[in-house]
Amino acid sequence: MSAEPHPTLPPVRLHPDAELARDALVAPLFARAVRLARWAGPDTRVDVGGELVAAQLPEAAAALGLDATDAESAVYASQAWRVAVDTGLVDVTEPEEEPGEGADGVEGADAGEEASGTALPGEDLALVTSGAPGDVLDLWLAALDSVLADAAVPDLDDLVDALDAGGEIDFDQLDWNPRREADFLDGVLANLYLLTVSEGAAADRPVPLPVLAASMVMPDGMGEPTDAVLEQVSDAMMRLDDQFRQLEPIGLVEFRPVDEELLAEADDERIASGAAAGRDDADEDVSRYGMVRLTPLGLYGVRARMLEAGVEVPAVGDLADKGADVLLDAVSSYPESAAEAEIEAWLAGREVPEAVAELLDAARGDDEGAPLRRLRCQQALAPAGPEAEPAVRAVLDDPELGGLARVWLAERGVADVPAPDGAMVFWLTVDTIAAQLAADGETEELPLLMATLTAHHTGFFEQVWRVEHPATAYVLEAMGRLHPDKKAAKEARKAAFKARSRRP
């Protein structure tokens, strides 16, 4: 998979392997492939490439419980057989000679009979019933690779139109590059994955097909799309409509195709622009343009392919066996809800007193990322009960952690918490704002936090610029821009200048 890595992909919440394996086994196309693998036997005949000979397709369709006389059933049987072969559920021995030819390449005495190979159940078929969940998922991933390869091939009508006089495909006329098509589909799946796991995204909410198409076509920051771009979005959308129809039976996505009536009544510009931004227009049902959602199995599959391509795609629980230093560094770049989920998984297998002590130790530091580590540490300590108190009390005199410890104890109503001195109050204020800036940037809530933290301290800006914190000047400059009180903002700018002047 050749998707571009995203620098801050949040961790995905994967379902347990056993549940995913069950989903794989009931995916229609994979289930049909397993049934055909069990059906294969000494009388099964295949041609060059391991495909079932045409005469056996009705029998294969019947084995799947389909109407053996229906042409569409033969297509289903052929697809399922190809997946069975590609995954190793079936072992094929291809014909040694071209059909109707002898060993010397000329028509032989038995040329009336086409040469054929044989097929038998493969060794991997046993893994379906006796293997571990991971074995089943490996088979499903192989099936997914097979289906994705098929989905990247142009449809039959385009192939027929591109045949030259000699019956060969004219790839220049077809304008089809296999690598380019595979990369396009991988990019689409990577974008769908990102839209699914991003902060604020609802994993159970499908993505409008035009939004996905536009993510592949429209340049970042583009305003009103040009007619040429709209046409490209429309073309991409229709390609995806065809491809997701092929990908749904393997269990990768849940898909609602583009409304056939819409295609009949709308031109390319309306198809592309009517829902291009996923607008919830009361006069337009966006679902008519197609909707797609990765299934839990699909999330697992796309992540596996991205990992294989060298993309860093974390999952909740990846850090469960790592140290607290690794945990806090990693979750510092996660959205808040994702960080909470990862911390919860990390705490689940540890004794509280030891875990709290380890977290506090890892939160120390004067590097640029330290304030956000302390914020994540504070979040990690939030659900801890009385058993954490000894470890928290042990850092009351620590200049970097003493303020955090006092906040934790005060929130639990502990009566004998020593009051912090002024230096600790100012240091904690700078550290808190630095952490919020690092976590979320200049949010709408940050000015209120600044006002709250400074309101109870007379002469705050006359003293805070002296705080020995690496982020003092940076925080004061931000307060000079964002503080809701104009007088306080002016004082913050003066204090920032002083803080900059005193640092070497």
Protein backbone atom coordinates (compact mmCIF):
# COMPACT_ATOMS: atom_id res chain seq x y z
CA MET A 1 0.00 0.00 0.00
CA SER A 2 1.52 3.30 -1.01
CA ALA A 3 -0.39 5.83 1.07
CA GLU A 4 1.22 8.98 2.39
CA PRO A 5 1.80 8.77 6.16
CA HIS A 6 -0.06 11.19 8.35
CA PRO A 7 2.21 12.73 11.02
CA THR A 8 -0.32 12.59 13.88
CA LEU A 9 -2.60 9.67 13.17
CA PRO A 10 -4.58 8.98 16.35
CA PRO A 11 -4.75 5.38 17.53
CA VAL A 12 -7.60 3.27 16.26
CA ARG A 13 -9.78 1.21 18.58
CA LEU A 14 -9.70 -2.26 17.05
CA HIS A 15 -12.15 -4.98 17.92
CA PRO A 16 -10.70 -8.18 19.46
CA ASP A 17 -9.09 -10.60 16.98
CA ALA A 18 -11.66 -13.28 17.74
CA GLU A 19 -14.52 -10.92 16.85
CA LEU A 20 -12.75 -9.75 13.69
CA ALA A 21 -12.10 -13.35 12.64
CA ARG A 22 -15.80 -14.11 12.99
CA ASP A 23 -16.56 -11.09 10.81
CA ALA A 24 -14.10 -12.37 8.22
CA LEU A 25 -15.68 -15.82 8.09
CA VAL A 26 -19.14 -14.41 7.40
CA ALA A 27 -18.00 -11.88 4.79
CA PRO A 28 -19.95 -13.11 1.73
CA LEU A 29 -17.07 -13.39 -0.71
CA PHE A 30 -14.68 -15.02 1.76
CA ALA A 31 -17.40 -17.43 2.90
CA ARG A 32 -18.05 -18.42 -0.72
CA ALA A 33 -14.32 -18.96 -1.28
CA VAL A 34 -14.20 -21.32 1.72
CA ARG A 35 -17.22 -23.27 0.42
CA LEU A 36 -15.63 -23.72 -2.99
CA ALA A 37 -12.37 -24.84 -1.42
CA ARG A 38 -14.30 -27.57 0.40
CA TRP A 39 -16.11 -28.45 -2.81
CA ALA A 40 -12.90 -28.83 -4.84
CA GLY A 41 -11.83 -32.41 -5.51
CA PRO A 42 -10.25 -34.84 -7.97
CA ASP A 43 -12.83 -34.04 -10.66
CA THR A 44 -12.30 -30.27 -10.47
CA ARG A 45 -10.71 -28.92 -13.63
CA VAL A 46 -8.92 -25.61 -14.13
CA ASP A 47 -7.39 -23.87 -17.11
CA VAL A 48 -4.27 -21.77 -17.46
CA GLY A 49 -4.11 -19.32 -14.54
CA GLY A 50 -6.00 -21.68 -12.23
CA GLU A 51 -9.45 -20.47 -13.28
CA LEU A 52 -12.29 -22.97 -13.28
CA VAL A 53 -13.05 -24.25 -16.78
CA ALA A 54 -16.31 -22.79 -18.08
CA ALA A 55 -18.09 -26.13 -17.95
CA GLN A 56 -17.61 -26.34 -14.17
CA LEU A 57 -18.92 -22.89 -13.29
CA PRO A 58 -22.58 -24.02 -13.08
CA GLU A 59 -21.58 -26.82 -10.70
CA ALA A 60 -19.55 -24.37 -8.60
CA ALA A 61 -22.51 -21.97 -8.49
CA ALA A 62 -24.76 -24.80 -7.34
CA ALA A 63 -22.26 -25.64 -4.58
CA LEU A 64 -22.72 -22.07 -3.38
CA GLY A 65 -26.48 -22.47 -3.31
CA LEU A 66 -26.92 -20.23 -6.36
CA ASP A 67 -28.96 -20.73 -9.51
CA ALA A 68 -26.66 -22.74 -11.76
CA THR A 69 -28.42 -21.45 -14.89
CA ASP A 70 -27.98 -17.78 -14.03
CA ALA A 71 -25.04 -15.95 -15.67
CA GLU A 72 -24.61 -13.72 -12.59
CA SER A 73 -24.21 -16.82 -10.43
CA ALA A 74 -21.32 -17.93 -12.64
CA VAL A 75 -19.67 -14.55 -12.03
CA TYR A 76 -20.02 -14.98 -8.25
CA ALA A 77 -18.58 -18.48 -8.47
CA SER A 78 -15.66 -17.30 -10.59
CA GLN A 79 -14.85 -14.48 -8.16
CA ALA A 80 -15.02 -16.77 -5.15
CA TRP A 81 -12.83 -19.37 -6.87
CA ARG A 82 -10.20 -16.75 -7.70
CA VAL A 83 -10.10 -15.68 -4.04
CA ALA A 84 -9.81 -19.32 -2.94
CA VAL A 85 -6.83 -19.82 -5.23
CA ASP A 86 -5.12 -16.55 -4.34
CA THR A 87 -5.38 -17.20 -0.59
CA GLY A 88 -4.13 -20.81 -0.74
CA LEU A 89 -7.48 -22.26 0.29
CA VAL A 90 -7.20 -24.23 -2.96
CA ASP A 91 -4.09 -25.78 -4.51
CA VAL A 92 -4.17 -25.87 -8.28
CA THR A 93 -2.02 -27.71 -10.79
CA GLU A 94 -2.25 -25.86 -14.07
CA PRO A 95 -2.32 -27.74 -17.41
CA GLU A 96 1.12 -28.55 -18.69
CA GLU A 97 0.16 -27.86 -22.30
CA GLU A 98 -1.88 -25.21 -24.03
CA PRO A 99 -5.43 -26.43 -24.73
CA GLY A 100 -5.65 -28.49 -27.92
CA GLU A 101 -1.89 -28.69 -28.51
CA GLY A 102 0.58 -31.53 -28.21
CA ALA A 103 3.95 -31.27 -26.56
CA ASP A 104 5.47 -29.96 -29.78
CA GLY A 105 2.91 -27.17 -30.04
CA VAL A 106 0.83 -28.68 -32.88
CA GLU A 107 -2.59 -30.22 -32.87
CA GLY A 108 -2.37 -33.74 -31.45
CA ALA A 109 -4.58 -36.79 -31.91
CA ASP A 110 -6.60 -35.86 -28.86
CA ALA A 111 -6.79 -32.20 -29.79
CA GLY A 112 -10.55 -32.31 -29.47
CA GLU A 113 -10.14 -32.50 -25.73
CA GLU A 114 -8.88 -29.40 -24.00
CA ALA A 115 -6.02 -29.95 -21.60
CA SER A 116 -6.86 -28.96 -18.06
CA GLY A 117 -5.27 -28.82 -14.65
CA THR A 118 -6.58 -30.03 -11.34
CA ALA A 119 -7.50 -28.49 -8.01
CA LEU A 120 -7.72 -29.79 -4.46
CA PRO A 121 -8.35 -28.21 -1.06
CA GLY A 122 -5.19 -26.48 0.17
CA GLU A 123 -3.47 -27.00 3.49
CA ASP A 124 -4.54 -23.54 4.64
CA LEU A 125 -8.21 -24.54 4.47
CA ALA A 126 -7.83 -26.32 7.81
CA LEU A 127 -6.95 -22.97 9.43
CA VAL A 128 -10.51 -21.81 8.87
CA THR A 129 -11.79 -24.18 11.56
CA SER A 130 -8.70 -25.13 13.59
CA GLY A 131 -6.48 -22.06 13.31
CA ALA A 132 -6.17 -19.16 15.72
CA PRO A 133 -8.06 -15.92 15.01
CA GLY A 134 -4.83 -14.46 13.66
CA ASP A 135 -4.58 -17.29 11.11
CA VAL A 136 -8.09 -16.56 9.85
CA LEU A 137 -7.30 -12.85 9.62
CA ASP A 138 -4.13 -13.58 7.63
CA LEU A 139 -6.21 -15.56 5.14
CA TRP A 140 -8.73 -12.73 4.95
CA LEU A 141 -5.95 -10.19 4.33
CA ALA A 142 -4.73 -12.32 1.43
CA ALA A 143 -8.30 -12.37 0.10
CA LEU A 144 -8.47 -8.59 0.48
CA ASP A 145 -5.29 -8.20 -1.58
CA SER A 146 -6.89 -10.29 -4.33
CA VAL A 147 -10.09 -8.25 -4.35
CA LEU A 148 -8.24 -4.93 -4.32
CA ALA A 149 -6.20 -6.06 -7.32
CA ASP A 150 -9.41 -6.88 -9.18
CA ALA A 151 -11.02 -3.59 -8.15
CA ALA A 152 -8.14 -1.64 -9.71
CA VAL A 153 -8.79 -3.23 -13.13
CA PRO A 154 -11.05 -1.31 -15.59
CA ASP A 155 -14.50 -2.72 -16.14
CA LEU A 156 -15.16 -5.16 -18.97
CA ASP A 157 -16.74 -2.59 -21.28
CA ASP A 158 -13.62 -0.41 -21.14
CA LEU A 159 -11.41 -3.42 -21.81
CA VAL A 160 -13.47 -4.44 -24.85
CA ASP A 161 -13.37 -0.90 -26.22
CA ALA A 162 -9.57 -0.89 -25.91
CA LEU A 163 -8.98 -4.09 -27.92
CA ASP A 164 -6.91 -3.49 -31.05
CA ALA A 165 -7.27 -5.26 -34.37
CA GLY A 166 -5.18 -8.17 -33.14
CA GLY A 167 -7.29 -8.73 -30.06
CA GLU A 168 -4.69 -7.24 -27.69
CA ILE A 169 -5.46 -4.51 -25.17
CA ASP A 170 -4.30 -1.07 -26.30
CA PHE A 171 -3.21 0.38 -22.95
CA ASP A 172 -2.60 3.82 -24.47
CA GLN A 173 -6.23 4.00 -25.55
CA LEU A 174 -7.41 2.58 -22.23
CA ASP A 175 -5.34 5.14 -20.29
CA TRP A 176 -4.88 2.59 -17.53
CA ASN A 177 -1.73 2.25 -15.49
CA PRO A 178 -1.96 -0.67 -13.04
CA ARG A 179 0.41 0.90 -10.49
CA ARG A 180 -1.35 4.26 -10.69
CA GLU A 181 -4.76 2.66 -10.21
CA ALA A 182 -3.56 0.60 -7.24
CA ASP A 183 -2.01 3.70 -5.66
CA PHE A 184 -5.22 5.66 -6.18
CA LEU A 185 -7.29 3.01 -4.41
CA ASP A 186 -4.77 2.75 -1.59
CA GLY A 187 -4.90 6.53 -1.19
CA VAL A 188 -8.69 6.46 -1.06
CA LEU A 189 -8.65 3.82 1.67
CA ALA A 190 -6.01 5.76 3.62
CA ASN A 191 -8.16 8.90 3.48
CA LEU A 192 -11.25 6.95 4.52
CA TYR A 193 -9.26 5.50 7.42
CA LEU A 194 -8.15 8.99 8.49
CA LEU A 195 -11.69 10.34 8.29
CA THR A 196 -12.81 7.42 10.47
CA VAL A 197 -10.23 7.68 13.26
CA SER A 198 -9.81 11.47 13.40
CA GLU A 199 -10.84 13.32 16.55
CA GLY A 200 -14.51 14.14 16.46
CA ALA A 201 -15.26 11.61 13.73
CA ALA A 202 -18.07 9.16 14.36
CA ALA A 203 -16.85 5.72 13.36
CA ASP A 204 -20.41 4.62 12.65
CA ARG A 205 -21.16 7.61 10.42
CA PRO A 206 -20.65 6.94 6.71
CA VAL A 207 -18.67 9.31 4.51
CA PRO A 208 -20.35 10.82 1.43
CA LEU A 209 -18.71 9.48 -1.71
CA PRO A 210 -18.15 12.97 -3.20
CA VAL A 211 -16.22 13.98 -0.07
CA LEU A 212 -13.91 11.01 -0.51
CA ALA A 213 -13.51 11.69 -4.23
CA ALA A 214 -12.78 15.37 -3.59
CA SER A 215 -10.11 14.42 -1.02
CA MET A 216 -8.22 12.68 -3.82
CA VAL A 217 -8.67 15.37 -6.47
CA MET A 218 -9.04 18.85 -4.98
CA PRO A 219 -5.80 20.58 -3.91
CA ASP A 220 -5.52 21.55 -0.23
CA GLY A 221 -6.86 25.03 0.46
CA MET A 222 -8.76 25.26 -2.81
CA GLY A 223 -11.80 27.52 -2.62
CA GLU A 224 -14.52 27.29 -5.22
CA PRO A 225 -13.60 24.37 -7.52
CA THR A 226 -13.19 25.01 -11.24
CA ASP A 227 -15.26 23.19 -13.84
CA ALA A 228 -12.25 21.02 -14.66
CA VAL A 229 -11.84 20.00 -11.03
CA LEU A 230 -15.56 19.29 -10.71
CA GLU A 231 -15.32 16.97 -13.68
CA GLN A 232 -12.37 15.18 -12.10
CA VAL A 233 -14.30 14.78 -8.84
CA SER A 234 -17.26 13.37 -10.77
CA ASP A 235 -15.04 10.89 -12.62
CA ALA A 236 -13.32 9.82 -9.40
CA MET A 237 -16.67 9.42 -7.67
CA MET A 238 -17.95 7.08 -10.35
CA ARG A 239 -14.73 5.04 -10.24
CA LEU A 240 -15.16 4.69 -6.49
CA ASP A 241 -18.80 3.71 -6.89
CA ASP A 242 -17.72 0.77 -9.03
CA GLN A 243 -14.78 -0.15 -6.78
CA PHE A 244 -16.70 -0.07 -3.50
CA ARG A 245 -19.36 -2.33 -5.03
CA GLN A 246 -16.56 -4.87 -5.46
CA LEU A 247 -15.06 -4.30 -2.02
CA GLU A 248 -18.25 -4.61 0.01
CA PRO A 249 -18.62 -8.43 -0.35
CA ILE A 250 -15.21 -9.03 1.24
CA GLY A 251 -16.39 -7.20 4.37
CA LEU A 252 -14.13 -4.15 4.00
CA VAL A 253 -16.89 -1.53 3.81
CA GLU A 254 -20.57 -0.92 4.15
CA PHE A 255 -21.59 0.87 0.99
CA ARG A 256 -24.62 2.63 -0.38
CA PRO A 257 -24.10 3.06 -4.15
CA VAL A 258 -24.89 6.17 -6.13
CA ASP A 259 -28.61 6.38 -6.82
CA GLU A 260 -29.26 5.05 -10.34
CA GLU A 261 -32.06 7.58 -10.84
CA LEU A 262 -29.66 10.37 -9.93
CA LEU A 263 -27.25 9.19 -12.61
CA ALA A 264 -30.04 9.25 -15.16
CA GLU A 265 -31.24 12.75 -14.31
CA ALA A 266 -28.06 14.63 -13.38
CA ASP A 267 -25.12 15.88 -15.39
CA ASP A 268 -21.48 15.61 -14.29
CA GLU A 269 -21.39 19.08 -12.74
CA ARG A 270 -24.36 18.43 -10.49
CA ILE A 271 -23.07 15.01 -9.47
CA ALA A 272 -19.74 16.53 -8.46
CA SER A 273 -20.98 19.73 -6.85
CA GLY A 274 -24.31 18.72 -5.32
CA ALA A 275 -22.62 17.04 -2.37
CA ALA A 276 -18.96 17.83 -3.00
CA ALA A 277 -18.45 19.18 0.48
CA GLY A 278 -20.86 16.76 2.14
CA ARG A 279 -23.29 19.59 2.80
CA ASP A 280 -26.39 18.60 4.73
CA ASP A 281 -28.75 20.52 2.50
CA ALA A 282 -32.40 20.13 3.40
CA ASP A 283 -33.22 20.21 -0.31
CA GLU A 284 -30.67 17.55 -1.22
CA ASP A 285 -30.37 14.03 0.17
CA VAL A 286 -26.59 13.62 0.26
CA SER A 287 -26.92 9.85 0.58
CA ARG A 288 -28.11 9.72 -3.03
CA TYR A 289 -24.53 10.44 -4.08
CA GLY A 290 -23.25 7.33 -2.35
CA MET A 291 -22.12 6.68 1.23
CA VAL A 292 -19.29 4.48 2.49
CA ARG A 293 -18.07 3.37 5.90
CA LEU A 294 -15.17 1.15 6.91
CA THR A 295 -16.36 -1.82 8.94
CA PRO A 296 -14.43 -2.83 12.07
CA LEU A 297 -12.86 -5.54 9.90
CA GLY A 298 -12.14 -2.91 7.27
CA LEU A 299 -10.35 -0.71 9.81
CA TYR A 300 -8.22 -3.69 10.73
CA GLY A 301 -7.50 -4.47 7.08
CA VAL A 302 -6.57 -0.95 5.98
CA ARG A 303 -4.38 -0.51 9.05
CA ALA A 304 -2.58 -3.78 8.29
CA ARG A 305 -1.87 -2.63 4.74
CA MET A 306 -0.63 0.76 5.93
CA LEU A 307 1.67 -0.92 8.46
CA GLU A 308 3.06 -3.14 5.71
CA ALA A 309 3.77 0.00 3.66
CA GLY A 310 5.76 1.49 6.54
CA VAL A 311 3.14 3.98 7.74
CA GLU A 312 2.93 4.54 11.50
CA VAL A 313 -0.66 3.69 12.42
CA PRO A 314 -1.03 3.20 16.18
CA ALA A 315 -3.79 1.24 17.84
CA VAL A 316 -5.11 1.62 21.36
CA GLY A 317 -3.15 -0.80 23.55
CA ASP A 318 0.08 -0.66 21.54
CA LEU A 319 1.82 1.03 24.46
CA ALA A 320 0.48 -1.23 27.21
CA ASP A 321 3.86 -2.92 27.73
CA LYS A 322 5.96 0.24 27.35
CA GLY A 323 7.36 2.47 30.06
CA ALA A 324 5.59 5.58 31.30
CA ASP A 325 8.13 7.78 29.50
CA VAL A 326 7.24 6.20 26.16
CA LEU A 327 3.53 6.42 26.97
CA LEU A 328 3.52 10.12 27.86
CA ASP A 329 5.69 11.09 24.90
CA ALA A 330 3.39 9.21 22.51
CA VAL A 331 0.03 10.35 23.86
CA SER A 332 1.21 13.96 23.92
CA SER A 333 0.55 14.06 20.18
CA TYR A 334 -2.82 12.27 20.42
CA PRO A 335 -6.21 13.98 20.59
CA GLU A 336 -7.52 14.05 24.16
CA SER A 337 -10.01 11.18 23.86
CA ALA A 338 -7.43 8.97 22.16
CA ALA A 339 -4.86 9.81 24.85
CA GLU A 340 -7.35 8.88 27.56
CA ALA A 341 -8.07 5.53 25.90
CA GLU A 342 -4.37 4.70 25.57
CA ILE A 343 -3.63 5.70 29.17
CA GLU A 344 -6.54 3.61 30.40
CA ALA A 345 -5.18 0.58 28.54
CA TRP A 346 -1.71 1.22 30.02
CA LEU A 347 -3.02 1.45 33.59
CA ALA A 348 -5.18 -1.67 33.28
CA GLY A 349 -2.36 -4.14 33.85
CA ARG A 350 -0.46 -2.30 36.59
CA GLU A 351 -0.60 -1.82 40.33
CA VAL A 352 -1.76 1.74 41.00
CA PRO A 353 0.96 2.96 43.43
CA GLU A 354 3.81 1.82 41.18
CA ALA A 355 2.12 3.09 38.03
CA VAL A 356 1.49 6.53 39.56
CA ALA A 357 5.09 6.84 40.72
CA GLU A 358 6.34 5.88 37.25
CA LEU A 359 4.03 8.39 35.54
CA LEU A 360 5.12 11.23 37.84
CA ASP A 361 8.78 10.45 37.25
CA ALA A 362 8.23 10.44 33.48
CA ALA A 363 6.43 13.81 33.66
CA ARG A 364 9.55 15.66 34.80
CA GLY A 365 11.66 17.70 32.43
CA ASP A 366 12.36 21.16 31.04
CA ASP A 367 12.26 20.25 27.36
CA GLU A 368 9.69 21.67 24.96
CA GLY A 369 7.34 18.68 25.30
CA ALA A 370 7.42 18.54 29.10
CA PRO A 371 4.34 20.73 29.83
CA LEU A 372 2.14 18.54 27.65
CA ARG A 373 3.58 15.39 29.26
CA ARG A 374 2.57 16.77 32.64
CA LEU A 375 -0.92 17.54 31.35
CA ARG A 376 -1.28 13.94 30.12
CA CYS A 377 0.10 12.72 33.42
CA GLN A 378 -2.54 14.77 35.25
CA GLN A 379 -5.20 13.17 33.04
CA ALA A 380 -3.79 9.73 33.80
CA LEU A 381 -3.97 10.39 37.54
CA ALA A 382 -7.54 11.69 37.40
CA PRO A 383 -9.29 8.29 37.84
CA ALA A 384 -6.82 7.04 40.47
CA GLY A 385 -8.21 6.38 43.94
CA PRO A 386 -6.81 6.69 47.48
CA GLU A 387 -4.12 4.10 46.79
CA ALA A 388 -2.34 6.69 44.63
CA GLU A 389 -2.07 9.24 47.44
CA PRO A 390 1.33 8.17 48.88
CA ALA A 391 3.02 8.46 45.48
CA VAL A 392 1.41 11.85 44.87
CA ARG A 393 2.38 13.18 48.31
CA ALA A 394 5.97 12.13 47.64
CA VAL A 395 6.33 14.88 45.02
CA LEU A 396 4.74 17.77 46.95
CA ASP A 397 8.14 19.46 47.29
CA ASP A 398 9.14 18.84 43.69
CA PRO A 399 9.32 22.23 41.86
CA GLU A 400 7.91 20.72 38.63
CA LEU A 401 5.32 18.35 40.09
CA GLY A 402 4.36 19.97 43.40
CA GLY A 403 1.60 22.08 41.87
CA LEU A 404 0.15 19.11 40.01
CA ALA A 405 0.20 17.07 43.23
CA ARG A 406 -1.60 19.79 45.19
CA VAL A 407 -4.32 20.05 42.55
CA TRP A 408 -4.87 16.29 42.64
CA LEU A 409 -5.07 16.17 46.44
CA ALA A 410 -7.32 19.22 46.68
CA GLU A 411 -9.75 17.77 44.15
CA ARG A 412 -10.16 14.79 46.47
CA GLY A 413 -10.86 16.93 49.52
CA VAL A 414 -7.67 16.07 51.37
CA ALA A 415 -7.52 18.48 54.33
CA ASP A 416 -3.81 18.79 55.09
CA VAL A 417 -2.51 19.87 51.69
CA PRO A 418 0.22 22.50 52.18
CA ALA A 419 -0.42 25.78 50.39
CA PRO A 420 1.91 26.48 47.46
CA ASP A 421 4.24 29.44 47.57
CA GLY A 422 3.99 32.22 45.00
CA ALA A 423 6.82 30.85 42.85
CA MET A 424 5.03 27.51 42.49
CA VAL A 425 1.72 29.19 41.63
CA PHE A 426 3.30 31.24 38.86
CA TRP A 427 5.32 28.30 37.55
CA LEU A 428 2.20 26.10 37.45
CA THR A 429 0.27 28.81 35.60
CA VAL A 430 2.94 29.06 32.90
CA ASP A 431 3.19 25.28 32.64
CA THR A 432 -0.59 24.86 32.35
CA ILE A 433 -0.99 27.41 29.56
CA ALA A 434 2.06 26.04 27.72
CA ALA A 435 0.50 22.57 27.86
CA GLN A 436 -2.84 23.80 26.53
CA LEU A 437 -1.13 25.64 23.68
CA ALA A 438 0.81 22.50 22.79
CA ALA A 439 -2.27 20.29 23.00
CA ASP A 440 -4.87 22.34 21.13
CA GLY A 441 -3.30 25.57 19.94
CA GLU A 442 -5.06 28.91 20.40
CA THR A 443 -8.58 27.67 21.04
CA GLU A 444 -11.64 29.79 21.86
CA GLU A 445 -11.54 28.52 25.45
CA LEU A 446 -7.93 29.52 26.09
CA PRO A 447 -8.58 33.26 26.77
CA LEU A 448 -11.05 32.31 29.52
CA LEU A 449 -8.47 29.98 31.06
CA MET A 450 -5.90 32.79 30.99
CA ALA A 451 -8.30 35.21 32.65
CA THR A 452 -9.21 32.66 35.32
CA LEU A 453 -5.60 31.82 36.15
CA THR A 454 -4.55 35.47 36.49
CA ALA A 455 -7.64 36.99 38.10
CA HIS A 456 -6.78 36.12 41.71
CA HIS A 457 -3.19 37.36 41.70
CA THR A 458 -2.58 41.10 42.15
CA GLY A 459 0.44 42.20 40.15
CA PHE A 460 0.58 38.88 38.29
CA PHE A 461 2.42 40.24 35.24
CA GLU A 462 4.85 42.21 37.39
CA GLN A 463 6.12 38.93 38.82
CA VAL A 464 5.47 36.14 36.34
CA TRP A 465 8.18 37.20 33.86
CA ARG A 466 10.79 36.12 36.43
CA VAL A 467 9.53 32.50 36.49
CA GLU A 468 12.28 30.02 35.65
CA HIS A 469 10.31 28.08 33.09
CA PRO A 470 11.52 27.54 29.48
CA ALA A 471 8.10 28.58 28.12
CA THR A 472 7.63 31.78 30.17
CA ALA A 473 8.21 34.25 27.33
CA TYR A 474 6.27 32.12 24.86
CA VAL A 475 3.26 31.93 27.20
CA LEU A 476 3.32 35.64 27.97
CA GLU A 477 3.40 36.47 24.24
CA ALA A 478 0.34 34.27 23.76
CA MET A 479 -1.40 36.00 26.66
CA GLY A 480 -0.59 39.34 25.04
CA ARG A 481 -2.52 38.21 21.97
CA LEU A 482 -5.36 36.32 23.58
CA HIS A 483 -6.12 37.68 27.05
CA PRO A 484 -9.72 39.04 26.96
CA ASP A 485 -8.84 42.04 29.13
CA LYS A 486 -7.05 44.65 27.01
CA LYS A 487 -5.14 46.10 29.96
CA ALA A 488 -3.97 42.65 31.04
CA ALA A 489 -2.99 41.82 27.46
CA LYS A 490 -0.82 44.96 27.31
CA GLU A 491 0.82 44.04 30.62
CA ALA A 492 1.45 40.53 29.28
CA ARG A 493 3.26 41.93 26.24
CA LYS A 494 5.49 44.06 28.45
CA ALA A 495 6.21 41.08 30.68
CA ALA A 496 7.05 38.94 27.62
CA PHE A 497 9.63 41.53 26.54
CA LYS A 498 11.22 41.43 29.99
CA ALA A 499 11.26 37.64 29.99
CA ARG A 500 12.94 37.60 26.58
CA SER A 501 15.50 40.18 27.73
CA ARG A 502 16.60 38.24 30.81
CA ARG A 503 17.23 34.97 28.96
CA PRO A 504 20.68 34.49 27.40
